[in-house]
Amino acid sequence: MSSGLMHGVTDTVSSAGARRGTVVVTTVASDSHTWNLVFLQLLIEELGYEVINLGPCTPDHVLVDACRETAPDLVVISSVNGHGHQDGLRVIEALRACGELASTPVVIGGKLGVAGQQSEAAIGALLSAGFDAVFDDASTTMAEFTRFAGALPVADRAVERTEVVA
């Protein structure tokens, strides 16, 4: 997801102190970039969510374990290295194979392929594999992501800060 498209986002921001739920933010296992995660964390916190940032190069099993432990309201997977499509197919399979995470909203975005914009077929493959939304940075805007995150139902449970050590 491109950080250059953030203007106009603040009209969806929740009031200070109100927490909507918990979001886990991470990269695919092969991606060592961190600036995208920091940006996403700040953006998602502005939308009113508590964020658990697992950092870069998160192995699939660590992501699954963290999600099982925290029961997030949304999982956001970001890719900058261009392997998001390939790694995303593997990680969504692991998440969806876990019964308690089968219905957790999971999205992926960023640079999903090394050749630039993903084809409709490639995006369709990610959606068919189990992602709830795909935000290819070459074809979608940050506003689309914020609308998606802002439209999620408010968590009906108390939100507590949970630290996950990878």
N, C-alpha and C. Protein backbone atom coordinates (compact mmCIF):
# COMPACT_ATOMS: atom_id res chain seq x y z
N MET A 1 0.85 -1.17 0.00
CA MET A 1 0.00 0.00 0.00
C MET A 1 0.89 1.23 0.00
N SER A 2 0.56 2.14 -0.80
CA SER A 2 1.40 3.31 -0.98
C SER A 2 1.11 4.38 0.06
N SER A 3 2.15 4.86 0.73
CA SER A 3 1.96 5.88 1.75
C SER A 3 1.67 7.25 1.16
N GLY A 4 1.88 7.45 -0.11
CA GLY A 4 1.66 8.73 -0.74
C GLY A 4 0.20 9.06 -0.95
N LEU A 5 -0.71 8.18 -0.58
CA LEU A 5 -2.12 8.37 -0.85
C LEU A 5 -2.93 8.60 0.42
N MET A 6 -2.31 9.13 1.45
CA MET A 6 -2.99 9.24 2.72
C MET A 6 -3.84 10.49 2.88
N HIS A 7 -3.69 11.50 2.04
CA HIS A 7 -4.47 12.72 2.22
C HIS A 7 -5.96 12.41 2.16
N GLY A 8 -6.73 13.10 3.00
CA GLY A 8 -8.18 12.89 3.04
C GLY A 8 -8.62 11.73 3.89
N VAL A 9 -7.70 11.07 4.58
CA VAL A 9 -8.03 9.90 5.37
C VAL A 9 -8.64 10.26 6.72
N THR A 10 -8.29 11.40 7.25
CA THR A 10 -8.66 11.71 8.63
C THR A 10 -10.16 11.82 8.86
N ASP A 11 -10.98 11.92 7.84
CA ASP A 11 -12.41 12.00 8.09
C ASP A 11 -13.01 10.69 8.60
N THR A 12 -12.25 9.59 8.56
CA THR A 12 -12.75 8.33 9.08
C THR A 12 -12.15 7.99 10.44
N VAL A 13 -11.37 8.88 11.01
CA VAL A 13 -10.68 8.60 12.27
C VAL A 13 -11.66 8.65 13.44
N SER A 14 -11.53 7.68 14.33
CA SER A 14 -12.37 7.63 15.53
C SER A 14 -11.91 8.66 16.55
N SER A 15 -12.77 8.96 17.49
CA SER A 15 -12.41 9.90 18.54
C SER A 15 -11.33 9.32 19.43
N ALA A 16 -10.50 10.20 19.99
CA ALA A 16 -9.38 9.78 20.82
C ALA A 16 -9.86 8.94 21.99
N GLY A 17 -9.15 7.87 22.27
CA GLY A 17 -9.47 7.04 23.42
C GLY A 17 -10.44 5.91 23.10
N ALA A 18 -11.26 6.03 22.09
CA ALA A 18 -12.21 4.99 21.75
C ALA A 18 -11.50 3.91 20.95
N ARG A 19 -11.53 2.68 21.42
CA ARG A 19 -10.87 1.58 20.72
C ARG A 19 -11.91 0.70 20.06
N ARG A 20 -11.68 0.42 18.79
CA ARG A 20 -12.63 -0.37 18.00
C ARG A 20 -12.34 -1.86 18.06
N GLY A 21 -11.15 -2.25 18.41
CA GLY A 21 -10.76 -3.65 18.40
C GLY A 21 -9.26 -3.78 18.26
N THR A 22 -8.81 -4.97 17.91
CA THR A 22 -7.39 -5.25 17.79
C THR A 22 -7.05 -5.66 16.37
N VAL A 23 -5.94 -5.13 15.87
CA VAL A 23 -5.45 -5.47 14.53
C VAL A 23 -4.01 -5.96 14.66
N VAL A 24 -3.72 -7.08 14.04
CA VAL A 24 -2.35 -7.58 13.95
C VAL A 24 -1.80 -7.13 12.60
N VAL A 25 -0.60 -6.53 12.64
CA VAL A 25 0.08 -6.04 11.44
C VAL A 25 1.40 -6.80 11.32
N THR A 26 1.71 -7.25 10.10
CA THR A 26 2.94 -8.00 9.88
C THR A 26 3.32 -7.96 8.40
N THR A 27 4.49 -8.46 8.09
CA THR A 27 4.88 -8.69 6.71
C THR A 27 4.80 -10.19 6.43
N VAL A 28 5.01 -10.54 5.18
CA VAL A 28 5.18 -11.95 4.85
C VAL A 28 6.56 -12.36 5.35
N ALA A 29 6.79 -13.65 5.48
CA ALA A 29 8.02 -14.16 6.10
C ALA A 29 9.29 -13.72 5.37
N SER A 30 9.21 -13.49 4.08
CA SER A 30 10.42 -13.14 3.32
C SER A 30 10.69 -11.64 3.27
N ASP A 31 9.85 -10.82 3.88
CA ASP A 31 9.95 -9.37 3.73
C ASP A 31 10.55 -8.73 4.98
N SER A 32 11.71 -8.07 4.81
CA SER A 32 12.41 -7.47 5.95
C SER A 32 12.13 -5.98 6.13
N HIS A 33 11.20 -5.44 5.38
CA HIS A 33 10.92 -4.00 5.46
C HIS A 33 10.11 -3.66 6.72
N THR A 34 10.43 -2.53 7.31
CA THR A 34 9.72 -2.11 8.53
C THR A 34 8.95 -0.81 8.38
N TRP A 35 9.38 0.09 7.48
CA TRP A 35 8.73 1.40 7.39
C TRP A 35 7.25 1.25 7.06
N ASN A 36 6.89 0.26 6.23
CA ASN A 36 5.50 0.04 5.88
C ASN A 36 4.68 -0.37 7.10
N LEU A 37 5.29 -1.14 7.99
CA LEU A 37 4.58 -1.58 9.20
C LEU A 37 4.37 -0.43 10.18
N VAL A 38 5.36 0.42 10.30
CA VAL A 38 5.22 1.59 11.18
C VAL A 38 4.11 2.50 10.65
N PHE A 39 4.12 2.75 9.34
CA PHE A 39 3.09 3.58 8.73
C PHE A 39 1.71 2.97 8.96
N LEU A 40 1.57 1.67 8.68
CA LEU A 40 0.27 1.01 8.87
C LEU A 40 -0.17 1.04 10.32
N GLN A 41 0.75 0.82 11.23
CA GLN A 41 0.40 0.85 12.64
C GLN A 41 -0.16 2.22 13.02
N LEU A 42 0.52 3.28 12.62
CA LEU A 42 0.04 4.63 12.95
C LEU A 42 -1.30 4.92 12.30
N LEU A 43 -1.47 4.54 11.06
CA LEU A 43 -2.74 4.75 10.36
C LEU A 43 -3.89 4.00 11.04
N ILE A 44 -3.65 2.73 11.36
CA ILE A 44 -4.69 1.90 11.96
C ILE A 44 -5.01 2.39 13.37
N GLU A 45 -4.00 2.84 14.11
CA GLU A 45 -4.27 3.42 15.44
C GLU A 45 -5.11 4.68 15.31
N GLU A 46 -4.87 5.50 14.27
CA GLU A 46 -5.70 6.68 14.05
C GLU A 46 -7.15 6.31 13.75
N LEU A 47 -7.37 5.12 13.20
CA LEU A 47 -8.73 4.64 12.93
C LEU A 47 -9.40 4.10 14.19
N GLY A 48 -8.66 4.05 15.29
CA GLY A 48 -9.25 3.66 16.56
C GLY A 48 -8.97 2.25 17.01
N TYR A 49 -8.06 1.57 16.38
CA TYR A 49 -7.75 0.19 16.74
C TYR A 49 -6.49 0.11 17.58
N GLU A 50 -6.42 -0.90 18.42
CA GLU A 50 -5.21 -1.29 19.12
C GLU A 50 -4.42 -2.13 18.12
N VAL A 51 -3.12 -1.87 17.97
CA VAL A 51 -2.32 -2.57 16.98
C VAL A 51 -1.24 -3.41 17.65
N ILE A 52 -1.14 -4.64 17.21
CA ILE A 52 -0.04 -5.52 17.59
C ILE A 52 0.81 -5.67 16.34
N ASN A 53 2.00 -5.09 16.36
CA ASN A 53 2.90 -5.09 15.22
C ASN A 53 3.92 -6.20 15.43
N LEU A 54 3.81 -7.25 14.62
CA LEU A 54 4.72 -8.40 14.76
C LEU A 54 6.06 -8.18 14.08
N GLY A 55 6.19 -7.10 13.34
CA GLY A 55 7.46 -6.78 12.71
C GLY A 55 7.68 -7.53 11.41
N PRO A 56 8.87 -7.32 10.83
CA PRO A 56 9.18 -7.93 9.54
C PRO A 56 9.61 -9.39 9.68
N CYS A 57 9.63 -10.08 8.55
CA CYS A 57 10.11 -11.47 8.47
C CYS A 57 9.42 -12.39 9.48
N THR A 58 8.13 -12.20 9.67
CA THR A 58 7.39 -13.01 10.64
C THR A 58 7.10 -14.38 10.03
N PRO A 59 7.63 -15.43 10.63
CA PRO A 59 7.33 -16.78 10.13
C PRO A 59 5.84 -17.06 10.24
N ASP A 60 5.32 -17.86 9.33
CA ASP A 60 3.89 -18.17 9.30
C ASP A 60 3.39 -18.69 10.65
N HIS A 61 4.13 -19.60 11.25
CA HIS A 61 3.68 -20.20 12.51
C HIS A 61 3.63 -19.17 13.64
N VAL A 62 4.52 -18.19 13.62
CA VAL A 62 4.50 -17.13 14.64
C VAL A 62 3.25 -16.27 14.46
N LEU A 63 2.90 -15.94 13.22
CA LEU A 63 1.69 -15.18 12.95
C LEU A 63 0.46 -15.96 13.41
N VAL A 64 0.38 -17.22 13.07
CA VAL A 64 -0.77 -18.04 13.47
C VAL A 64 -0.86 -18.11 14.99
N ASP A 65 0.24 -18.36 15.67
CA ASP A 65 0.23 -18.44 17.14
C ASP A 65 -0.19 -17.11 17.76
N ALA A 66 0.32 -16.00 17.24
CA ALA A 66 -0.04 -14.68 17.77
C ALA A 66 -1.52 -14.41 17.58
N CYS A 67 -2.06 -14.80 16.44
CA CYS A 67 -3.48 -14.58 16.18
C CYS A 67 -4.35 -15.49 17.05
N ARG A 68 -3.92 -16.70 17.27
CA ARG A 68 -4.66 -17.60 18.16
C ARG A 68 -4.68 -17.04 19.58
N GLU A 69 -3.58 -16.46 19.99
CA GLU A 69 -3.46 -15.92 21.34
C GLU A 69 -4.26 -14.63 21.53
N THR A 70 -4.30 -13.79 20.52
CA THR A 70 -4.92 -12.46 20.69
C THR A 70 -6.31 -12.32 20.09
N ALA A 71 -6.73 -13.27 19.25
CA ALA A 71 -8.03 -13.22 18.58
C ALA A 71 -8.31 -11.83 17.99
N PRO A 72 -7.49 -11.39 17.02
CA PRO A 72 -7.65 -10.05 16.48
C PRO A 72 -8.94 -9.89 15.67
N ASP A 73 -9.34 -8.65 15.51
CA ASP A 73 -10.51 -8.32 14.70
C ASP A 73 -10.14 -8.18 13.23
N LEU A 74 -8.84 -8.05 12.95
CA LEU A 74 -8.34 -7.92 11.59
C LEU A 74 -6.86 -8.27 11.59
N VAL A 75 -6.41 -8.92 10.51
CA VAL A 75 -4.98 -9.18 10.29
C VAL A 75 -4.61 -8.47 8.99
N VAL A 76 -3.56 -7.63 9.06
CA VAL A 76 -3.09 -6.89 7.90
C VAL A 76 -1.68 -7.37 7.58
N ILE A 77 -1.52 -7.93 6.38
CA ILE A 77 -0.23 -8.42 5.92
C ILE A 77 0.25 -7.49 4.82
N SER A 78 1.46 -6.96 5.00
CA SER A 78 2.02 -6.00 4.06
C SER A 78 3.26 -6.57 3.39
N SER A 79 3.46 -6.22 2.13
CA SER A 79 4.64 -6.68 1.40
C SER A 79 5.23 -5.52 0.62
N VAL A 80 6.54 -5.39 0.68
CA VAL A 80 7.25 -4.38 -0.10
C VAL A 80 8.22 -5.05 -1.06
N ASN A 81 8.62 -6.28 -0.77
CA ASN A 81 9.67 -6.93 -1.58
C ASN A 81 9.17 -7.58 -2.86
N GLY A 82 7.86 -7.56 -3.10
CA GLY A 82 7.33 -8.12 -4.33
C GLY A 82 6.99 -9.60 -4.27
N HIS A 83 7.08 -10.20 -3.09
CA HIS A 83 6.75 -11.62 -2.95
C HIS A 83 5.45 -11.83 -2.18
N GLY A 84 4.66 -10.79 -2.07
CA GLY A 84 3.41 -10.87 -1.31
C GLY A 84 2.43 -11.89 -1.87
N HIS A 85 2.32 -11.98 -3.18
CA HIS A 85 1.39 -12.94 -3.77
C HIS A 85 1.82 -14.36 -3.44
N GLN A 86 3.06 -14.67 -3.72
CA GLN A 86 3.59 -16.01 -3.49
C GLN A 86 3.53 -16.39 -2.01
N ASP A 87 4.06 -15.54 -1.14
CA ASP A 87 4.07 -15.83 0.30
C ASP A 87 2.67 -15.73 0.89
N GLY A 88 1.86 -14.83 0.34
CA GLY A 88 0.50 -14.66 0.85
C GLY A 88 -0.34 -15.91 0.69
N LEU A 89 -0.20 -16.59 -0.42
CA LEU A 89 -0.97 -17.83 -0.63
C LEU A 89 -0.64 -18.86 0.44
N ARG A 90 0.62 -18.93 0.82
CA ARG A 90 1.04 -19.90 1.84
C ARG A 90 0.53 -19.51 3.22
N VAL A 91 0.66 -18.22 3.58
CA VAL A 91 0.29 -17.80 4.93
C VAL A 91 -1.23 -17.81 5.14
N ILE A 92 -2.01 -17.48 4.11
CA ILE A 92 -3.46 -17.51 4.30
C ILE A 92 -3.94 -18.95 4.47
N GLU A 93 -3.27 -19.89 3.82
CA GLU A 93 -3.62 -21.30 4.01
C GLU A 93 -3.40 -21.70 5.47
N ALA A 94 -2.29 -21.26 6.06
CA ALA A 94 -2.00 -21.59 7.46
C ALA A 94 -3.01 -20.93 8.40
N LEU A 95 -3.38 -19.69 8.12
CA LEU A 95 -4.36 -19.00 8.97
C LEU A 95 -5.73 -19.65 8.87
N ARG A 96 -6.17 -19.93 7.66
CA ARG A 96 -7.51 -20.50 7.47
C ARG A 96 -7.60 -21.95 7.94
N ALA A 97 -6.47 -22.64 8.02
CA ALA A 97 -6.47 -24.02 8.52
C ALA A 97 -6.69 -24.09 10.02
N CYS A 98 -6.51 -22.97 10.69
CA CYS A 98 -6.70 -22.89 12.14
C CYS A 98 -8.16 -22.54 12.41
N GLY A 99 -8.90 -23.46 12.98
CA GLY A 99 -10.35 -23.30 13.17
C GLY A 99 -10.79 -21.99 13.76
N GLU A 100 -10.13 -21.53 14.82
CA GLU A 100 -10.56 -20.29 15.47
C GLU A 100 -10.24 -19.04 14.66
N LEU A 101 -9.45 -19.17 13.60
CA LEU A 101 -9.11 -18.03 12.75
C LEU A 101 -9.80 -18.08 11.39
N ALA A 102 -10.61 -19.10 11.18
CA ALA A 102 -11.23 -19.31 9.87
C ALA A 102 -12.07 -18.13 9.41
N SER A 103 -12.67 -17.39 10.33
CA SER A 103 -13.52 -16.27 9.93
C SER A 103 -12.92 -14.90 10.27
N THR A 104 -11.70 -14.88 10.77
CA THR A 104 -11.04 -13.61 11.07
C THR A 104 -10.75 -12.88 9.76
N PRO A 105 -11.14 -11.61 9.65
CA PRO A 105 -10.80 -10.86 8.43
C PRO A 105 -9.28 -10.74 8.28
N VAL A 106 -8.79 -11.09 7.08
CA VAL A 106 -7.37 -11.01 6.77
C VAL A 106 -7.23 -10.32 5.41
N VAL A 107 -6.38 -9.30 5.37
CA VAL A 107 -6.12 -8.58 4.12
C VAL A 107 -4.63 -8.59 3.83
N ILE A 108 -4.30 -8.41 2.57
CA ILE A 108 -2.91 -8.31 2.16
C ILE A 108 -2.79 -7.12 1.21
N GLY A 109 -1.65 -6.46 1.30
CA GLY A 109 -1.46 -5.32 0.42
C GLY A 109 0.00 -4.96 0.26
N GLY A 110 0.22 -4.05 -0.66
CA GLY A 110 1.57 -3.57 -0.95
C GLY A 110 2.01 -4.01 -2.31
N LYS A 111 3.30 -4.20 -2.45
CA LYS A 111 3.87 -4.67 -3.71
C LYS A 111 3.78 -6.19 -3.69
N LEU A 112 2.80 -6.70 -4.39
CA LEU A 112 2.49 -8.13 -4.31
C LEU A 112 3.22 -8.97 -5.34
N GLY A 113 3.82 -8.35 -6.33
CA GLY A 113 4.57 -9.07 -7.35
C GLY A 113 5.74 -8.25 -7.83
N VAL A 114 6.74 -8.90 -8.36
CA VAL A 114 7.93 -8.19 -8.81
C VAL A 114 7.72 -7.48 -10.14
N ALA A 115 6.63 -7.81 -10.86
CA ALA A 115 6.38 -7.21 -12.16
C ALA A 115 5.44 -6.00 -12.10
N GLY A 116 5.11 -5.53 -10.91
CA GLY A 116 4.21 -4.38 -10.80
C GLY A 116 2.79 -4.80 -10.51
N GLN A 117 1.84 -4.09 -11.11
CA GLN A 117 0.42 -4.31 -10.83
C GLN A 117 0.03 -5.77 -11.06
N GLN A 118 -0.73 -6.30 -10.12
CA GLN A 118 -1.20 -7.67 -10.20
C GLN A 118 -2.38 -7.76 -11.17
N SER A 119 -2.47 -8.87 -11.87
CA SER A 119 -3.59 -9.10 -12.78
C SER A 119 -4.84 -9.41 -11.96
N GLU A 120 -5.98 -9.29 -12.61
CA GLU A 120 -7.24 -9.67 -11.95
C GLU A 120 -7.19 -11.13 -11.52
N ALA A 121 -6.56 -11.97 -12.33
CA ALA A 121 -6.46 -13.39 -11.99
C ALA A 121 -5.61 -13.61 -10.74
N ALA A 122 -4.51 -12.87 -10.61
CA ALA A 122 -3.65 -13.01 -9.43
C ALA A 122 -4.38 -12.52 -8.18
N ILE A 123 -5.08 -11.41 -8.29
CA ILE A 123 -5.86 -10.91 -7.15
C ILE A 123 -6.97 -11.89 -6.82
N GLY A 124 -7.62 -12.42 -7.85
CA GLY A 124 -8.66 -13.43 -7.64
C GLY A 124 -8.15 -14.66 -6.93
N ALA A 125 -6.92 -15.07 -7.25
CA ALA A 125 -6.32 -16.24 -6.59
C ALA A 125 -6.14 -15.98 -5.10
N LEU A 126 -5.71 -14.77 -4.74
CA LEU A 126 -5.55 -14.42 -3.32
C LEU A 126 -6.90 -14.41 -2.61
N LEU A 127 -7.90 -13.86 -3.26
CA LEU A 127 -9.24 -13.82 -2.66
C LEU A 127 -9.80 -15.23 -2.53
N SER A 128 -9.63 -16.05 -3.55
CA SER A 128 -10.11 -17.44 -3.51
C SER A 128 -9.41 -18.25 -2.43
N ALA A 129 -8.15 -17.92 -2.18
CA ALA A 129 -7.37 -18.64 -1.16
C ALA A 129 -7.85 -18.30 0.25
N GLY A 130 -8.55 -17.17 0.42
CA GLY A 130 -9.09 -16.86 1.74
C GLY A 130 -8.91 -15.44 2.22
N PHE A 131 -8.22 -14.58 1.46
CA PHE A 131 -8.11 -13.18 1.87
C PHE A 131 -9.45 -12.50 1.70
N ASP A 132 -9.77 -11.60 2.62
CA ASP A 132 -11.03 -10.85 2.55
C ASP A 132 -10.91 -9.65 1.63
N ALA A 133 -9.70 -9.14 1.45
CA ALA A 133 -9.46 -8.02 0.54
C ALA A 133 -7.99 -8.02 0.15
N VAL A 134 -7.72 -7.48 -1.05
CA VAL A 134 -6.37 -7.37 -1.57
C VAL A 134 -6.18 -5.92 -1.99
N PHE A 135 -5.09 -5.31 -1.49
CA PHE A 135 -4.79 -3.91 -1.78
C PHE A 135 -3.44 -3.82 -2.47
N ASP A 136 -3.45 -4.08 -3.78
CA ASP A 136 -2.24 -3.99 -4.59
C ASP A 136 -1.86 -2.52 -4.72
N ASP A 137 -0.64 -2.16 -4.35
CA ASP A 137 -0.28 -0.74 -4.33
C ASP A 137 -0.27 -0.09 -5.71
N ALA A 138 -0.25 -0.88 -6.76
CA ALA A 138 -0.27 -0.32 -8.10
C ALA A 138 -1.69 -0.02 -8.60
N SER A 139 -2.70 -0.55 -7.91
CA SER A 139 -4.06 -0.37 -8.41
C SER A 139 -5.08 0.08 -7.37
N THR A 140 -4.70 0.13 -6.11
CA THR A 140 -5.64 0.58 -5.08
C THR A 140 -5.04 1.74 -4.30
N THR A 141 -5.88 2.45 -3.59
CA THR A 141 -5.43 3.62 -2.82
C THR A 141 -5.54 3.36 -1.33
N MET A 142 -4.85 4.18 -0.57
CA MET A 142 -4.91 4.08 0.88
C MET A 142 -6.34 4.34 1.36
N ALA A 143 -7.06 5.21 0.67
CA ALA A 143 -8.44 5.50 1.04
C ALA A 143 -9.30 4.24 0.98
N GLU A 144 -9.04 3.35 0.03
CA GLU A 144 -9.79 2.10 -0.06
C GLU A 144 -9.53 1.22 1.16
N PHE A 145 -8.28 1.17 1.59
CA PHE A 145 -7.95 0.40 2.78
C PHE A 145 -8.62 1.00 4.02
N THR A 146 -8.55 2.32 4.17
CA THR A 146 -9.15 2.94 5.36
C THR A 146 -10.66 2.77 5.37
N ARG A 147 -11.29 2.79 4.21
CA ARG A 147 -12.74 2.52 4.16
C ARG A 147 -13.03 1.10 4.61
N PHE A 148 -12.22 0.15 4.15
CA PHE A 148 -12.40 -1.25 4.54
C PHE A 148 -12.26 -1.39 6.06
N ALA A 149 -11.15 -0.89 6.60
CA ALA A 149 -10.90 -1.02 8.04
C ALA A 149 -11.95 -0.26 8.85
N GLY A 150 -12.37 0.89 8.38
CA GLY A 150 -13.37 1.68 9.08
C GLY A 150 -14.75 1.06 9.07
N ALA A 151 -15.02 0.19 8.10
CA ALA A 151 -16.33 -0.44 7.98
C ALA A 151 -16.46 -1.71 8.80
N LEU A 152 -15.36 -2.18 9.38
CA LEU A 152 -15.44 -3.39 10.21
C LEU A 152 -16.30 -3.14 11.43
N PRO A 153 -17.06 -4.13 11.87
CA PRO A 153 -17.87 -3.94 13.07
C PRO A 153 -17.01 -3.69 14.29
N VAL A 154 -17.50 -2.88 15.20
CA VAL A 154 -16.80 -2.60 16.45
C VAL A 154 -16.76 -3.87 17.28
N ALA A 155 -15.59 -4.14 17.86
CA ALA A 155 -15.42 -5.34 18.68
C ALA A 155 -16.41 -5.34 19.84
N ASP A 156 -16.99 -6.49 20.13
CA ASP A 156 -17.93 -6.59 21.24
C ASP A 156 -17.27 -7.14 22.50
N ARG A 157 -15.96 -7.04 22.55
CA ARG A 157 -15.22 -7.51 23.73
C ARG A 157 -14.29 -6.40 24.19
N ALA A 158 -13.89 -6.48 25.42
CA ALA A 158 -12.94 -5.50 25.95
C ALA A 158 -11.60 -5.69 25.26
N VAL A 159 -10.98 -4.61 24.87
CA VAL A 159 -9.70 -4.67 24.20
C VAL A 159 -8.61 -4.44 25.24
N GLU A 160 -7.69 -5.40 25.32
CA GLU A 160 -6.57 -5.28 26.25
C GLU A 160 -5.29 -5.31 25.45
N ARG A 161 -4.30 -4.58 25.92
CA ARG A 161 -3.00 -4.57 25.24
C ARG A 161 -2.32 -5.90 25.53
N THR A 162 -1.90 -6.57 24.49
CA THR A 162 -1.24 -7.85 24.61
C THR A 162 0.11 -7.77 23.93
N GLU A 163 1.14 -8.21 24.62
CA GLU A 163 2.46 -8.21 24.01
C GLU A 163 2.77 -9.62 23.54
N VAL A 164 3.14 -9.72 22.29
CA VAL A 164 3.50 -11.01 21.71
C VAL A 164 4.98 -10.97 21.39
N VAL A 165 5.70 -11.92 21.92
CA VAL A 165 7.13 -11.98 21.69
C VAL A 165 7.38 -13.03 20.63
N ALA A 166 8.01 -12.62 19.53
CA ALA A 166 8.27 -13.56 18.44
C ALA A 166 9.56 -14.29 18.65
